């Protein structure tokens, strides 16, 4: 099974929703949305907007973790990470309100 990856940063949410939709058009199996630090909330928003407004047949799996990053002056710091795996599923529930 192949998968596409969308990295989330500081762009507007709809830019990432468009990227997720494009990734599903290229590879209909799986799209993984990845983010770390402050971009985690944007990744969750992009995945939820895609799921509730555009592709109602998506299921999601969430994986969280921590990475060590070297900062200024050689210090290391911990940064939270998230991976949201989106898969098309014929038995997924329809969004509420549809």
N, C-alpha and C. Protein backbone atom coordinates (compact mmCIF):
# COMPACT_ATOMS: atom_id res chain seq x y z
N UNK A 1 0.86 -1.18 0.00
CA UNK A 1 0.00 0.00 0.00
C UNK A 1 0.90 1.24 0.00
N UNK A 2 0.63 2.12 -0.92
CA UNK A 2 1.43 3.35 -0.97
C UNK A 2 0.68 4.47 -0.25
N UNK A 3 1.46 5.47 0.16
CA UNK A 3 0.85 6.58 0.88
C UNK A 3 1.52 7.88 0.47
N UNK A 4 0.78 8.96 0.56
CA UNK A 4 1.29 10.30 0.31
C UNK A 4 1.42 11.01 1.65
N UNK A 5 2.35 11.97 1.74
CA UNK A 5 2.57 12.69 2.99
C UNK A 5 2.36 14.18 2.74
N UNK A 6 1.62 14.83 3.65
CA UNK A 6 1.42 16.28 3.62
C UNK A 6 2.00 16.83 4.92
N UNK A 7 3.00 17.70 4.79
CA UNK A 7 3.62 18.33 5.96
C UNK A 7 2.93 19.66 6.22
N UNK A 8 2.50 19.87 7.46
CA UNK A 8 1.75 21.08 7.82
C UNK A 8 2.69 22.05 8.53
N UNK A 9 2.58 23.32 8.12
CA UNK A 9 3.39 24.38 8.71
C UNK A 9 2.54 25.58 9.06
N UNK A 10 2.89 26.74 8.50
CA UNK A 10 2.22 27.98 8.90
C UNK A 10 1.30 28.57 7.83
N UNK A 11 1.02 27.84 6.77
CA UNK A 11 0.10 28.33 5.73
C UNK A 11 -1.34 28.26 6.24
N UNK A 12 -2.26 28.90 5.52
CA UNK A 12 -3.69 28.80 5.91
C UNK A 12 -4.19 27.35 5.82
N UNK A 13 -5.18 27.04 6.63
CA UNK A 13 -5.73 25.68 6.72
C UNK A 13 -6.17 25.16 5.35
N UNK A 14 -6.85 25.99 4.58
CA UNK A 14 -7.38 25.52 3.29
C UNK A 14 -6.28 25.15 2.31
N UNK A 15 -5.08 25.69 2.47
CA UNK A 15 -3.96 25.27 1.63
C UNK A 15 -3.63 23.80 1.88
N UNK A 16 -3.69 23.40 3.13
CA UNK A 16 -3.41 22.00 3.47
C UNK A 16 -4.58 21.09 3.10
N UNK A 17 -5.80 21.58 3.21
CA UNK A 17 -6.96 20.81 2.77
C UNK A 17 -6.83 20.53 1.27
N UNK A 18 -6.43 21.53 0.50
CA UNK A 18 -6.22 21.35 -0.94
C UNK A 18 -5.11 20.34 -1.20
N UNK A 19 -4.05 20.41 -0.42
CA UNK A 19 -2.94 19.46 -0.58
C UNK A 19 -3.40 18.03 -0.27
N UNK A 20 -4.23 17.87 0.75
CA UNK A 20 -4.74 16.54 1.10
C UNK A 20 -5.63 16.01 -0.03
N UNK A 21 -6.50 16.85 -0.55
CA UNK A 21 -7.39 16.45 -1.65
C UNK A 21 -6.57 16.06 -2.88
N UNK A 22 -5.55 16.83 -3.20
CA UNK A 22 -4.68 16.53 -4.34
C UNK A 22 -3.95 15.21 -4.12
N UNK A 23 -3.49 14.98 -2.90
CA UNK A 23 -2.80 13.72 -2.59
C UNK A 23 -3.74 12.53 -2.77
N UNK A 24 -5.00 12.67 -2.39
CA UNK A 24 -5.96 11.58 -2.59
C UNK A 24 -6.25 11.37 -4.07
N UNK A 25 -6.22 12.42 -4.88
CA UNK A 25 -6.43 12.25 -6.31
C UNK A 25 -5.26 11.51 -6.95
N UNK A 26 -4.05 11.75 -6.47
CA UNK A 26 -2.86 11.08 -7.01
C UNK A 26 -2.74 9.66 -6.47
N UNK A 27 -3.04 9.48 -5.21
CA UNK A 27 -2.88 8.20 -4.54
C UNK A 27 -4.12 7.94 -3.68
N UNK A 28 -5.06 7.19 -4.18
CA UNK A 28 -6.35 7.06 -3.47
C UNK A 28 -6.32 6.19 -2.22
N UNK A 29 -5.18 5.58 -1.88
CA UNK A 29 -5.15 4.68 -0.72
C UNK A 29 -5.08 5.43 0.61
N UNK A 30 -3.95 6.10 0.85
CA UNK A 30 -3.68 6.66 2.17
C UNK A 30 -2.95 7.98 2.05
N UNK A 31 -3.31 8.93 2.91
CA UNK A 31 -2.59 10.20 3.03
C UNK A 31 -2.24 10.39 4.50
N UNK A 32 -0.97 10.72 4.76
CA UNK A 32 -0.51 10.96 6.12
C UNK A 32 -0.25 12.45 6.27
N UNK A 33 -0.88 13.06 7.27
CA UNK A 33 -0.69 14.48 7.58
C UNK A 33 0.25 14.56 8.76
N UNK A 34 1.40 15.23 8.58
CA UNK A 34 2.41 15.30 9.63
C UNK A 34 2.64 16.75 10.05
N UNK A 35 2.84 16.94 11.35
CA UNK A 35 3.13 18.28 11.89
C UNK A 35 3.86 18.13 13.20
N UNK A 36 4.50 19.22 13.61
CA UNK A 36 5.13 19.24 14.92
C UNK A 36 5.02 20.63 15.51
N UNK A 37 5.08 20.67 16.85
CA UNK A 37 5.03 21.94 17.55
C UNK A 37 3.70 22.66 17.40
N UNK A 38 3.79 23.95 17.12
CA UNK A 38 2.59 24.78 17.02
C UNK A 38 1.70 24.44 15.83
N UNK A 39 2.23 23.74 14.85
CA UNK A 39 1.45 23.40 13.65
C UNK A 39 0.51 22.21 13.88
N UNK A 40 0.59 21.58 15.06
CA UNK A 40 -0.26 20.41 15.32
C UNK A 40 -1.74 20.77 15.23
N UNK A 41 -2.14 21.89 15.79
CA UNK A 41 -3.56 22.26 15.73
C UNK A 41 -4.01 22.51 14.30
N UNK A 42 -3.14 23.06 13.47
CA UNK A 42 -3.47 23.27 12.05
C UNK A 42 -3.63 21.94 11.33
N UNK A 43 -2.80 20.95 11.66
CA UNK A 43 -2.91 19.63 11.05
C UNK A 43 -4.23 18.97 11.40
N UNK A 44 -4.63 19.07 12.66
CA UNK A 44 -5.90 18.50 13.09
C UNK A 44 -7.06 19.21 12.38
N UNK A 45 -7.00 20.54 12.32
CA UNK A 45 -8.05 21.30 11.63
C UNK A 45 -8.14 20.92 10.15
N UNK A 46 -7.00 20.80 9.47
CA UNK A 46 -7.00 20.45 8.05
C UNK A 46 -7.59 19.06 7.83
N UNK A 47 -7.23 18.10 8.67
CA UNK A 47 -7.77 16.75 8.54
C UNK A 47 -9.28 16.74 8.80
N UNK A 48 -9.72 17.47 9.80
CA UNK A 48 -11.15 17.50 10.13
C UNK A 48 -11.97 18.23 9.06
N UNK A 49 -11.46 19.32 8.53
CA UNK A 49 -12.17 20.03 7.46
C UNK A 49 -12.29 19.13 6.24
N UNK A 50 -11.21 18.43 5.90
CA UNK A 50 -11.25 17.50 4.77
C UNK A 50 -12.29 16.42 5.01
N UNK A 51 -12.29 15.87 6.22
CA UNK A 51 -13.20 14.76 6.54
C UNK A 51 -14.65 15.19 6.61
N UNK A 52 -14.93 16.36 7.18
CA UNK A 52 -16.33 16.74 7.39
C UNK A 52 -16.93 17.47 6.19
N UNK A 53 -16.13 18.15 5.40
CA UNK A 53 -16.70 18.95 4.31
C UNK A 53 -16.49 18.38 2.92
N UNK A 54 -15.44 17.58 2.71
CA UNK A 54 -15.11 17.16 1.36
C UNK A 54 -15.14 15.66 1.14
N UNK A 55 -14.55 14.88 2.00
CA UNK A 55 -14.49 13.43 1.84
C UNK A 55 -15.09 12.76 3.07
N UNK A 56 -16.35 12.44 2.99
CA UNK A 56 -17.05 11.91 4.16
C UNK A 56 -16.70 10.46 4.46
N UNK A 57 -16.03 9.79 3.53
CA UNK A 57 -15.74 8.36 3.72
C UNK A 57 -14.32 8.12 4.25
N UNK A 58 -13.79 9.04 5.05
CA UNK A 58 -12.44 8.90 5.58
C UNK A 58 -12.44 8.35 7.00
N UNK A 59 -11.49 7.48 7.27
CA UNK A 59 -11.21 7.07 8.63
C UNK A 59 -9.84 7.63 9.00
N UNK A 60 -9.60 7.82 10.28
CA UNK A 60 -8.32 8.41 10.68
C UNK A 60 -7.71 7.63 11.83
N UNK A 61 -6.38 7.58 11.81
CA UNK A 61 -5.59 7.01 12.91
C UNK A 61 -4.59 8.08 13.31
N UNK A 62 -4.40 8.26 14.60
CA UNK A 62 -3.52 9.32 15.08
C UNK A 62 -2.37 8.72 15.85
N UNK A 63 -1.17 9.20 15.54
CA UNK A 63 0.03 8.78 16.25
C UNK A 63 0.74 10.03 16.75
N UNK A 64 1.06 10.07 18.04
CA UNK A 64 1.74 11.23 18.61
C UNK A 64 3.11 10.81 19.12
N UNK A 65 4.00 11.80 19.24
CA UNK A 65 5.34 11.50 19.73
C UNK A 65 6.10 12.76 20.08
N UNK A 66 7.39 12.59 20.34
CA UNK A 66 8.27 13.69 20.69
C UNK A 66 9.58 13.53 19.95
N UNK A 67 10.11 14.63 19.41
CA UNK A 67 11.42 14.65 18.77
C UNK A 67 12.33 15.58 19.55
N UNK A 68 13.61 15.23 19.60
CA UNK A 68 14.59 16.13 20.18
C UNK A 68 15.18 16.98 19.06
N UNK A 69 15.18 18.29 19.26
CA UNK A 69 15.74 19.19 18.26
C UNK A 69 16.83 20.04 18.89
N UNK A 70 17.87 20.29 18.12
CA UNK A 70 18.92 21.18 18.61
C UNK A 70 18.50 22.61 18.34
N UNK A 71 18.56 23.41 19.38
CA UNK A 71 18.18 24.81 19.26
C UNK A 71 19.41 25.70 19.24
N UNK A 72 19.19 26.93 19.57
CA UNK A 72 20.29 27.89 19.63
C UNK A 72 21.27 27.47 20.73
N UNK A 73 22.51 27.80 20.54
CA UNK A 73 23.57 27.53 21.51
C UNK A 73 23.77 26.03 21.77
N UNK A 74 23.33 25.19 20.84
CA UNK A 74 23.55 23.76 20.96
C UNK A 74 22.67 23.03 21.95
N UNK A 75 21.72 23.71 22.54
CA UNK A 75 20.81 23.06 23.49
C UNK A 75 19.80 22.21 22.74
N UNK A 76 19.39 21.11 23.38
CA UNK A 76 18.34 20.29 22.78
C UNK A 76 17.03 20.58 23.50
N UNK A 77 15.95 20.46 22.74
CA UNK A 77 14.63 20.66 23.32
C UNK A 77 13.70 19.63 22.71
N UNK A 78 12.65 19.33 23.43
CA UNK A 78 11.65 18.36 22.96
C UNK A 78 10.53 19.08 22.22
N UNK A 79 10.15 18.53 21.07
CA UNK A 79 9.07 19.09 20.27
C UNK A 79 8.05 17.98 20.02
N UNK A 80 6.79 18.27 20.28
CA UNK A 80 5.72 17.30 20.06
C UNK A 80 5.48 17.11 18.57
N UNK A 81 5.09 15.88 18.19
CA UNK A 81 4.79 15.58 16.79
C UNK A 81 3.46 14.84 16.71
N UNK A 82 2.84 14.91 15.52
CA UNK A 82 1.61 14.17 15.27
C UNK A 82 1.63 13.67 13.83
N UNK A 83 1.09 12.49 13.64
CA UNK A 83 0.86 11.92 12.32
C UNK A 83 -0.60 11.48 12.28
N UNK A 84 -1.34 12.03 11.33
CA UNK A 84 -2.74 11.66 11.16
C UNK A 84 -2.84 10.90 9.84
N UNK A 85 -3.15 9.61 9.93
CA UNK A 85 -3.28 8.77 8.74
C UNK A 85 -4.74 8.75 8.31
N UNK A 86 -4.99 9.24 7.10
CA UNK A 86 -6.35 9.29 6.56
C UNK A 86 -6.48 8.21 5.49
N UNK A 87 -7.53 7.39 5.61
CA UNK A 87 -7.79 6.33 4.63
C UNK A 87 -9.23 6.42 4.16
N UNK A 88 -9.44 6.14 2.88
CA UNK A 88 -10.80 6.07 2.37
C UNK A 88 -11.40 4.73 2.79
N UNK A 89 -12.63 4.78 3.25
CA UNK A 89 -13.29 3.58 3.74
C UNK A 89 -14.76 3.63 3.34
N UNK A 90 -15.28 2.63 2.64
CA UNK A 90 -16.69 2.66 2.24
C UNK A 90 -17.64 2.57 3.42
N UNK A 91 -17.19 2.00 4.55
CA UNK A 91 -18.10 1.87 5.70
C UNK A 91 -17.96 2.99 6.71
N UNK A 92 -17.20 4.04 6.39
CA UNK A 92 -17.06 5.18 7.32
C UNK A 92 -18.38 5.93 7.42
N UNK A 93 -18.60 6.53 8.59
CA UNK A 93 -19.85 7.25 8.82
C UNK A 93 -19.89 8.54 8.01
N UNK A 94 -21.07 8.92 7.62
CA UNK A 94 -21.29 10.20 6.95
C UNK A 94 -21.15 11.31 7.98
N UNK A 95 -20.65 12.50 7.57
CA UNK A 95 -20.56 13.61 8.51
C UNK A 95 -21.95 14.01 8.99
N UNK A 96 -22.02 14.49 10.22
CA UNK A 96 -23.30 14.92 10.76
C UNK A 96 -23.78 16.16 10.02
N UNK A 97 -25.06 16.26 9.82
CA UNK A 97 -25.62 17.41 9.12
C UNK A 97 -25.75 17.20 7.63
N UNK A 98 -25.36 16.01 7.10
CA UNK A 98 -25.52 15.77 5.66
C UNK A 98 -26.73 14.95 5.38
